[in-house]
Amino acid sequence: MYLQVVHHIAEEIRTGRLPVGARLPAERDLAEQYGVAVNTVRRAVRELRDQGLVITVPIKGTFVQAEQQSSDQHEEGEPNT
């Protein structure tokens, strides 16, 4: 089920509906939107991070990032806006 969430969010990123720098809704809100458990959303967000599509900034949230991140950027840094 989490792969369906990954696919849908990734498609929104690729089509520009979620532009670089956009903040994703809270995990609880995404879970409600997709009708899945919060843990399913967490797994999906982890997969999106592994694919380099999003970055999670502690306390601030999860943001869309450019697909190719330069090697000198820190993974925990602020998203580019």
PDB file of N, CA and C in Angstrom:
ATOM      1  N   MET A   1       0.817  -1.197   0.000  1.00  0.00           N
ATOM      2  CA  MET A   1       0.000   0.000   0.000  1.00  0.00           C
ATOM      3  C   MET A   1       0.864   1.265   0.000  1.00  0.00           C
ATOM      4  N   TYR A   2       1.989   1.218   0.718  1.00  0.00           N
ATOM      5  CA  TYR A   2       2.822   2.419   0.792  1.00  0.00           C
ATOM      6  C   TYR A   2       3.362   2.804  -0.577  1.00  0.00           C
ATOM      7  N   LEU A   3       3.571   1.813  -1.454  1.00  0.00           N
ATOM      8  CA  LEU A   3       4.080   2.118  -2.792  1.00  0.00           C
ATOM      9  C   LEU A   3       3.078   2.937  -3.607  1.00  0.00           C
ATOM     10  N   GLN A   4       1.790   2.750  -3.358  1.00  0.00           N
ATOM     11  CA  GLN A   4       0.782   3.568  -4.036  1.00  0.00           C
ATOM     12  C   GLN A   4       0.895   5.021  -3.592  1.00  0.00           C
ATOM     13  N   VAL A   5       1.139   5.232  -2.303  1.00  0.00           N
ATOM     14  CA  VAL A   5       1.325   6.590  -1.778  1.00  0.00           C
ATOM     15  C   VAL A   5       2.589   7.194  -2.379  1.00  0.00           C
ATOM     16  N   VAL A   6       3.673   6.412  -2.407  1.00  0.00           N
ATOM     17  CA  VAL A   6       4.935   6.872  -3.004  1.00  0.00           C
ATOM     18  C   VAL A   6       4.697   7.283  -4.454  1.00  0.00           C
ATOM     19  N   HIS A   7       4.042   6.417  -5.216  1.00  0.00           N
ATOM     20  CA  HIS A   7       3.805   6.694  -6.634  1.00  0.00           C
ATOM     21  C   HIS A   7       2.997   7.979  -6.816  1.00  0.00           C
ATOM     22  N   HIS A   8       1.952   8.157  -6.028  1.00  0.00           N
ATOM     23  CA  HIS A   8       1.090   9.328  -6.185  1.00  0.00           C
ATOM     24  C   HIS A   8       1.844  10.612  -5.849  1.00  0.00           C
ATOM     25  N   ILE A   9       2.570  10.628  -4.737  1.00  0.00           N
ATOM     26  CA  ILE A   9       3.315  11.832  -4.356  1.00  0.00           C
ATOM     27  C   ILE A   9       4.434  12.103  -5.358  1.00  0.00           C
ATOM     28  N   ALA A  10       5.137  11.063  -5.786  1.00  0.00           N
ATOM     29  CA  ALA A  10       6.209  11.237  -6.772  1.00  0.00           C
ATOM     30  C   ALA A  10       5.653  11.808  -8.071  1.00  0.00           C
ATOM     31  N   GLU A  11       4.491  11.363  -8.475  1.00  0.00           N
ATOM     32  CA  GLU A  11       3.863  11.881  -9.693  1.00  0.00           C
ATOM     33  C   GLU A  11       3.506  13.359  -9.529  1.00  0.00           C
ATOM     34  N   GLU A  12       3.015  13.742  -8.357  1.00  0.00           N
ATOM     35  CA  GLU A  12       2.704  15.153  -8.107  1.00  0.00           C
ATOM     36  C   GLU A  12       3.966  16.009  -8.156  1.00  0.00           C
ATOM     37  N   ILE A  13       5.075  15.459  -7.698  1.00  0.00           N
ATOM     38  CA  ILE A  13       6.347  16.183  -7.753  1.00  0.00           C
ATOM     39  C   ILE A  13       6.803  16.310  -9.205  1.00  0.00           C
ATOM     40  N   ARG A  14       6.773  15.225  -9.934  1.00  0.00           N
ATOM     41  CA  ARG A  14       7.255  15.234 -11.327  1.00  0.00           C
ATOM     42  C   ARG A  14       6.426  16.133 -12.240  1.00  0.00           C
ATOM     43  N   THR A  15       5.124  16.240 -11.962  1.00  0.00           N
ATOM     44  CA  THR A  15       4.261  17.083 -12.795  1.00  0.00           C
ATOM     45  C   THR A  15       4.258  18.538 -12.349  1.00  0.00           C
ATOM     46  N   GLY A  16       4.901  18.835 -11.223  1.00  0.00           N
ATOM     47  CA  GLY A  16       4.967  20.210 -10.749  1.00  0.00           C
ATOM     48  C   GLY A  16       3.832  20.631  -9.846  1.00  0.00           C
ATOM     49  N   ARG A  17       2.895  19.734  -9.569  1.00  0.00           N
ATOM     50  CA  ARG A  17       1.823  20.081  -8.627  1.00  0.00           C
ATOM     51  C   ARG A  17       2.379  20.278  -7.229  1.00  0.00           C
ATOM     52  N   LEU A  18       3.492  19.600  -6.940  1.00  0.00           N
ATOM     53  CA  LEU A  18       4.259  19.837  -5.713  1.00  0.00           C
ATOM     54  C   LEU A  18       5.629  20.338  -6.163  1.00  0.00           C
ATOM     55  N   PRO A  19       5.827  21.653  -6.206  1.00  0.00           N
ATOM     56  CA  PRO A  19       7.095  22.196  -6.716  1.00  0.00           C
ATOM     57  C   PRO A  19       8.229  22.066  -5.705  1.00  0.00           C
ATOM     58  N   VAL A  20       9.456  22.219  -6.187  1.00  0.00           N
ATOM     59  CA  VAL A  20      10.631  22.204  -5.312  1.00  0.00           C
ATOM     60  C   VAL A  20      10.433  23.251  -4.227  1.00  0.00           C
ATOM     61  N   GLY A  21      10.691  22.855  -2.981  1.00  0.00           N
ATOM     62  CA  GLY A  21      10.537  23.747  -1.840  1.00  0.00           C
ATOM     63  C   GLY A  21       9.184  23.649  -1.162  1.00  0.00           C
ATOM     64  N   ALA A  22       8.213  22.997  -1.809  1.00  0.00           N
ATOM     65  CA  ALA A  22       6.881  22.861  -1.219  1.00  0.00           C
ATOM     66  C   ALA A  22       6.945  21.933  -0.011  1.00  0.00           C
ATOM     67  N   ARG A  23       6.199  22.276   1.020  1.00  0.00           N
ATOM     68  CA  ARG A  23       6.125  21.447   2.224  1.00  0.00           C
ATOM     69  C   ARG A  23       5.002  20.431   2.047  1.00  0.00           C
ATOM     70  N   LEU A  24       5.301  19.170   2.327  1.00  0.00           N
ATOM     71  CA  LEU A  24       4.271  18.137   2.294  1.00  0.00           C
ATOM     72  C   LEU A  24       3.361  18.303   3.503  1.00  0.00           C
ATOM     73  N   PRO A  25       2.105  17.911   3.377  1.00  0.00           N
ATOM     74  CA  PRO A  25       1.218  17.937   4.543  1.00  0.00           C
ATOM     75  C   PRO A  25       1.767  17.038   5.657  1.00  0.00           C
ATOM     76  N   ALA A  26       1.287  17.248   6.863  1.00  0.00           N
ATOM     77  CA  ALA A  26       1.693  16.434   8.006  1.00  0.00           C
ATOM     78  C   ALA A  26       1.353  14.967   7.748  1.00  0.00           C
ATOM     79  N   GLU A  27       2.123  14.072   8.360  1.00  0.00           N
ATOM     80  CA  GLU A  27       1.904  12.631   8.173  1.00  0.00           C
ATOM     81  C   GLU A  27       0.472  12.235   8.485  1.00  0.00           C
ATOM     82  N   ARG A  28      -0.074  12.776   9.545  1.00  0.00           N
ATOM     83  CA  ARG A  28      -1.444  12.441   9.937  1.00  0.00           C
ATOM     84  C   ARG A  28      -2.435  12.875   8.853  1.00  0.00           C
ATOM     85  N   ASP A  29      -2.196  14.057   8.281  1.00  0.00           N
ATOM     86  CA  ASP A  29      -3.074  14.547   7.216  1.00  0.00           C
ATOM     87  C   ASP A  29      -2.953  13.694   5.955  1.00  0.00           C
ATOM     88  N   LEU A  30      -1.722  13.299   5.616  1.00  0.00           N
ATOM     89  CA  LEU A  30      -1.527  12.425   4.454  1.00  0.00           C
ATOM     90  C   LEU A  30      -2.207  11.078   4.676  1.00  0.00           C
ATOM     91  N   ALA A  31      -2.099  10.548   5.889  1.00  0.00           N
ATOM     92  CA  ALA A  31      -2.734   9.262   6.197  1.00  0.00           C
ATOM     93  C   ALA A  31      -4.244   9.354   6.000  1.00  0.00           C
ATOM     94  N   GLU A  32      -4.825  10.449   6.455  1.00  0.00           N
ATOM     95  CA  GLU A  32      -6.264  10.639   6.285  1.00  0.00           C
ATOM     96  C   GLU A  32      -6.616  10.802   4.803  1.00  0.00           C
ATOM     97  N   GLN A  33      -5.812  11.572   4.085  1.00  0.00           N
ATOM     98  CA  GLN A  33      -6.051  11.819   2.659  1.00  0.00           C
ATOM     99  C   GLN A  33      -6.034  10.524   1.849  1.00  0.00           C
ATOM    100  N   TYR A  34      -5.082   9.634   2.156  1.00  0.00           N
ATOM    101  CA  TYR A  34      -4.946   8.392   1.392  1.00  0.00           C
ATOM    102  C   TYR A  34      -5.685   7.214   2.022  1.00  0.00           C
ATOM    103  N   GLY A  35      -6.263   7.414   3.202  1.00  0.00           N
ATOM    104  CA  GLY A  35      -7.000   6.342   3.857  1.00  0.00           C
ATOM    105  C   GLY A  35      -6.117   5.207   4.325  1.00  0.00           C
ATOM    106  N   VAL A  36      -4.916   5.565   4.821  1.00  0.00           N
ATOM    107  CA  VAL A  36      -3.956   4.565   5.290  1.00  0.00           C
ATOM    108  C   VAL A  36      -3.497   4.930   6.695  1.00  0.00           C
ATOM    109  N   ALA A  37      -2.744   4.029   7.311  1.00  0.00           N
ATOM    110  CA  ALA A  37      -2.201   4.275   8.642  1.00  0.00           C
ATOM    111  C   ALA A  37      -1.019   5.248   8.563  1.00  0.00           C
ATOM    112  N   VAL A  38      -0.763   5.939   9.665  1.00  0.00           N
ATOM    113  CA  VAL A  38       0.360   6.877   9.734  1.00  0.00           C
ATOM    114  C   VAL A  38       1.672   6.150   9.454  1.00  0.00           C
ATOM    115  N   ASN A  39       1.821   4.920   9.940  1.00  0.00           N
ATOM    116  CA  ASN A  39       3.053   4.166   9.682  1.00  0.00           C
ATOM    117  C   ASN A  39       3.249   3.899   8.185  1.00  0.00           C
ATOM    118  N   THR A  40       2.166   3.734   7.454  1.00  0.00           N
ATOM    119  CA  THR A  40       2.258   3.554   6.003  1.00  0.00           C
ATOM    120  C   THR A  40       2.797   4.821   5.356  1.00  0.00           C
ATOM    121  N   VAL A  41       2.316   5.972   5.806  1.00  0.00           N
ATOM    122  CA  VAL A  41       2.804   7.257   5.291  1.00  0.00           C
ATOM    123  C   VAL A  41       4.277   7.431   5.642  1.00  0.00           C
ATOM    124  N   ARG A  42       4.654   7.073   6.855  1.00  0.00           N
ATOM    125  CA  ARG A  42       6.065   7.199   7.256  1.00  0.00           C
ATOM    126  C   ARG A  42       6.965   6.363   6.352  1.00  0.00           C
ATOM    127  N   ARG A  43       6.520   5.173   6.033  1.00  0.00           N
ATOM    128  CA  ARG A  43       7.305   4.308   5.148  1.00  0.00           C
ATOM    129  C   ARG A  43       7.388   4.913   3.745  1.00  0.00           C
ATOM    130  N   ALA A  44       6.294   5.489   3.286  1.00  0.00           N
ATOM    131  CA  ALA A  44       6.280   6.131   1.969  1.00  0.00           C
ATOM    132  C   ALA A  44       7.224   7.331   1.940  1.00  0.00           C
ATOM    133  N   VAL A  45       7.200   8.147   2.978  1.00  0.00           N
ATOM    134  CA  VAL A  45       8.084   9.321   3.044  1.00  0.00           C
ATOM    135  C   VAL A  45       9.538   8.874   3.097  1.00  0.00           C
ATOM    136  N   ARG A  46       9.818   7.812   3.827  1.00  0.00           N
ATOM    137  CA  ARG A  46      11.184   7.276   3.881  1.00  0.00           C
ATOM    138  C   ARG A  46      11.642   6.854   2.479  1.00  0.00           C
ATOM    139  N   GLU A  47      10.765   6.215   1.732  1.00  0.00           N
ATOM    140  CA  GLU A  47      11.090   5.807   0.362  1.00  0.00           C
ATOM    141  C   GLU A  47      11.321   7.025  -0.531  1.00  0.00           C
ATOM    142  N   LEU A  48      10.493   8.047  -0.395  1.00  0.00           N
ATOM    143  CA  LEU A  48      10.672   9.272  -1.181  1.00  0.00           C
ATOM    144  C   LEU A  48      11.999   9.949  -0.846  1.00  0.00           C
ATOM    145  N   ARG A  49      12.392   9.905   0.436  1.00  0.00           N
ATOM    146  CA  ARG A  49      13.709  10.440   0.834  1.00  0.00           C
ATOM    147  C   ARG A  49      14.815   9.629   0.184  1.00  0.00           C
ATOM    148  N   ASP A  50      14.679   8.303   0.209  1.00  0.00           N
ATOM    149  CA  ASP A  50      15.688   7.428  -0.399  1.00  0.00           C
ATOM    150  C   ASP A  50      15.823   7.692  -1.898  1.00  0.00           C
ATOM    151  N   GLN A  51      14.731   8.072  -2.539  1.00  0.00           N
ATOM    152  CA  GLN A  51      14.749   8.385  -3.970  1.00  0.00           C
ATOM    153  C   GLN A  51      15.276   9.795  -4.239  1.00  0.00           C
ATOM    154  N   GLY A  52      15.476  10.577  -3.176  1.00  0.00           N
ATOM    155  CA  GLY A  52      15.979  11.937  -3.342  1.00  0.00           C
ATOM    156  C   GLY A  52      14.927  12.950  -3.742  1.00  0.00           C
ATOM    157  N   LEU A  53      13.655  12.602  -3.593  1.00  0.00           N
ATOM    158  CA  LEU A  53      12.586  13.518  -3.986  1.00  0.00           C
ATOM    159  C   LEU A  53      12.196  14.490  -2.886  1.00  0.00           C
ATOM    160  N   VAL A  54      12.383  14.086  -1.632  1.00  0.00           N
ATOM    161  CA  VAL A  54      12.035  14.958  -0.509  1.00  0.00           C
ATOM    162  C   VAL A  54      13.153  14.943   0.515  1.00  0.00           C
ATOM    163  N   ILE A  55      13.121  15.945   1.369  1.00  0.00           N
ATOM    164  CA  ILE A  55      14.057  16.031   2.483  1.00  0.00           C
ATOM    165  C   ILE A  55      13.243  16.384   3.721  1.00  0.00           C
ATOM    166  N   THR A  56      13.564  15.754   4.845  1.00  0.00           N
ATOM    167  CA  THR A  56      12.879  16.047   6.090  1.00  0.00           C
ATOM    168  C   THR A  56      13.792  16.894   6.956  1.00  0.00           C
ATOM    169  N   VAL A  57      13.282  18.042   7.375  1.00  0.00           N
ATOM    170  CA  VAL A  57      14.006  18.947   8.256  1.00  0.00           C
ATOM    171  C   VAL A  57      13.356  18.826   9.628  1.00  0.00           C
ATOM    172  N   PRO A  58      14.112  18.376  10.642  1.00  0.00           N
ATOM    173  CA  PRO A  58      13.520  18.206  11.969  1.00  0.00           C
ATOM    174  C   PRO A  58      12.757  19.448  12.421  1.00  0.00           C
ATOM    175  N   ILE A  59      11.601  19.228  12.973  1.00  0.00           N
ATOM    176  CA  ILE A  59      10.670  20.213  13.511  1.00  0.00           C
ATOM    177  C   ILE A  59       9.949  20.997  12.406  1.00  0.00           C
ATOM    178  N   LYS A  60      10.580  21.213  11.271  1.00  0.00           N
ATOM    179  CA  LYS A  60       9.982  22.037  10.211  1.00  0.00           C
ATOM    180  C   LYS A  60       9.092  21.245   9.265  1.00  0.00           C
ATOM    181  N   GLY A  61       9.440  19.999   8.957  1.00  0.00           N
ATOM    182  CA  GLY A  61       8.607  19.210   8.065  1.00  0.00           C
ATOM    183  C   GLY A  61       9.381  18.561   6.936  1.00  0.00           C
ATOM    184  N   THR A  62       8.631  18.043   5.986  1.00  0.00           N
ATOM    185  CA  THR A  62       9.207  17.367   4.823  1.00  0.00           C
ATOM    186  C   THR A  62       8.934  18.221   3.599  1.00  0.00           C
ATOM    187  N   PHE A  63       9.994  18.446   2.811  1.00  0.00           N
ATOM    188  CA  PHE A  63       9.928  19.357   1.675  1.00  0.00           C
ATOM    189  C   PHE A  63      10.371  18.661   0.398  1.00  0.00           C
ATOM    190  N   VAL A  64       9.796  19.101  -0.716  1.00  0.00           N
ATOM    191  CA  VAL A  64      10.217  18.625  -2.032  1.00  0.00           C
ATOM    192  C   VAL A  64      11.578  19.238  -2.322  1.00  0.00           C
ATOM    193  N   GLN A  65      12.495  18.414  -2.806  1.00  0.00           N
ATOM    194  CA  GLN A  65      13.805  18.937  -3.193  1.00  0.00           C
ATOM    195  C   GLN A  65      14.063  18.602  -4.651  1.00  0.00           C
ATOM    196  N   ALA A  66      15.036  19.281  -5.220  1.00  0.00           N
ATOM    197  CA  ALA A  66      15.425  18.984  -6.594  1.00  0.00           C
ATOM    198  C   ALA A  66      15.880  17.532  -6.651  1.00  0.00           C
ATOM    199  N   GLU A  67      15.597  16.838  -7.741  1.00  0.00           N
ATOM    200  CA  GLU A  67      15.925  15.411  -7.832  1.00  0.00           C
ATOM    201  C   GLU A  67      17.411  15.149  -7.723  1.00  0.00           C
ATOM    202  N   GLN A  68      18.237  16.039  -8.244  1.00  0.00           N
ATOM    203  CA  GLN A  68      19.684  15.875  -8.143  1.00  0.00           C
ATOM    204  C   GLN A  68      20.215  16.866  -7.124  1.00  0.00           C
ATOM    205  N   GLN A  69      20.640  16.365  -5.978  1.00  0.00           N
ATOM    206  CA  GLN A  69      21.181  17.208  -4.923  1.00  0.00           C
ATOM    207  C   GLN A  69      22.692  17.239  -5.070  1.00  0.00           C
ATOM    208  N   SER A  70      23.279  18.448  -5.017  1.00  0.00           N
ATOM    209  CA  SER A  70      24.735  18.535  -5.146  1.00  0.00           C
ATOM    210  C   SER A  70      25.398  17.900  -3.940  1.00  0.00           C
ATOM    211  N   SER A  71      26.590  17.363  -4.134  1.00  0.00           N
ATOM    212  CA  SER A  71      27.264  16.592  -3.097  1.00  0.00           C
ATOM    213  C   SER A  71      27.694  17.435  -1.917  1.00  0.00           C
ATOM    214  N   ASP A  72      27.770  18.767  -2.063  1.00  0.00           N
ATOM    215  CA  ASP A  72      28.218  19.592  -0.946  1.00  0.00           C
ATOM    216  C   ASP A  72      27.066  20.059  -0.068  1.00  0.00           C
ATOM    217  N   GLN A  73      25.828  19.712  -0.400  1.00  0.00           N
ATOM    218  CA  GLN A  73      24.709  20.069   0.445  1.00  0.00           C
ATOM    219  C   GLN A  73      24.568  19.038   1.552  1.00  0.00           C
ATOM    220  N   HIS A  74      24.122  19.501   2.718  1.00  0.00           N
ATOM    221  CA  HIS A  74      23.891  18.597   3.837  1.00  0.00           C
ATOM    222  C   HIS A  74      22.485  18.039   3.737  1.00  0.00           C
ATOM    223  N   GLU A  75      22.339  16.776   4.051  1.00  0.00           N
ATOM    224  CA  GLU A  75      21.040  16.130   3.952  1.00  0.00           C
ATOM    225  C   GLU A  75      20.036  16.740   4.917  1.00  0.00           C
ATOM    226  N   GLU A  76      20.490  17.262   6.038  1.00  0.00           N
ATOM    227  CA  GLU A  76      19.593  17.831   7.031  1.00  0.00           C
ATOM    228  C   GLU A  76      19.456  19.339   6.875  1.00  0.00           C
ATOM    229  N   GLY A  77      19.941  19.907   5.785  1.00  0.00           N
ATOM    230  CA  GLY A  77      19.906  21.348   5.577  1.00  0.00           C
ATOM    231  C   GLY A  77      18.533  21.853   5.204  1.00  0.00           C
ATOM    232  N   GLU A  78      18.426  23.163   5.093  1.00  0.00           N
ATOM    233  CA  GLU A  78      17.185  23.806   4.710  1.00  0.00           C
ATOM    234  C   GLU A  78      16.884  23.497   3.246  1.00  0.00           C
ATOM    235  N   PRO A  79      15.615  23.390   2.889  1.00  0.00           N
ATOM    236  CA  PRO A  79      15.283  23.174   1.485  1.00  0.00           C
ATOM    237  C   PRO A  79      15.568  24.427   0.679  1.00  0.00           C
ATOM    238  N   ASN A  80      15.898  24.242  -0.592  1.00  0.00           N
ATOM    239  CA  ASN A  80      16.099  25.388  -1.476  1.00  0.00           C
ATOM    240  C   ASN A  80      14.748  25.951  -1.864  1.00  0.00           C
ATOM    241  N   THR A  81      14.608  27.267  -1.778  1.00  0.00           N
ATOM    242  CA  THR A  81      13.341  27.888  -2.185  1.00  0.00           C
ATOM    243  C   THR A  81      13.588  28.971  -3.186  1.00  0.00           C
TER     244      THR A  81
END
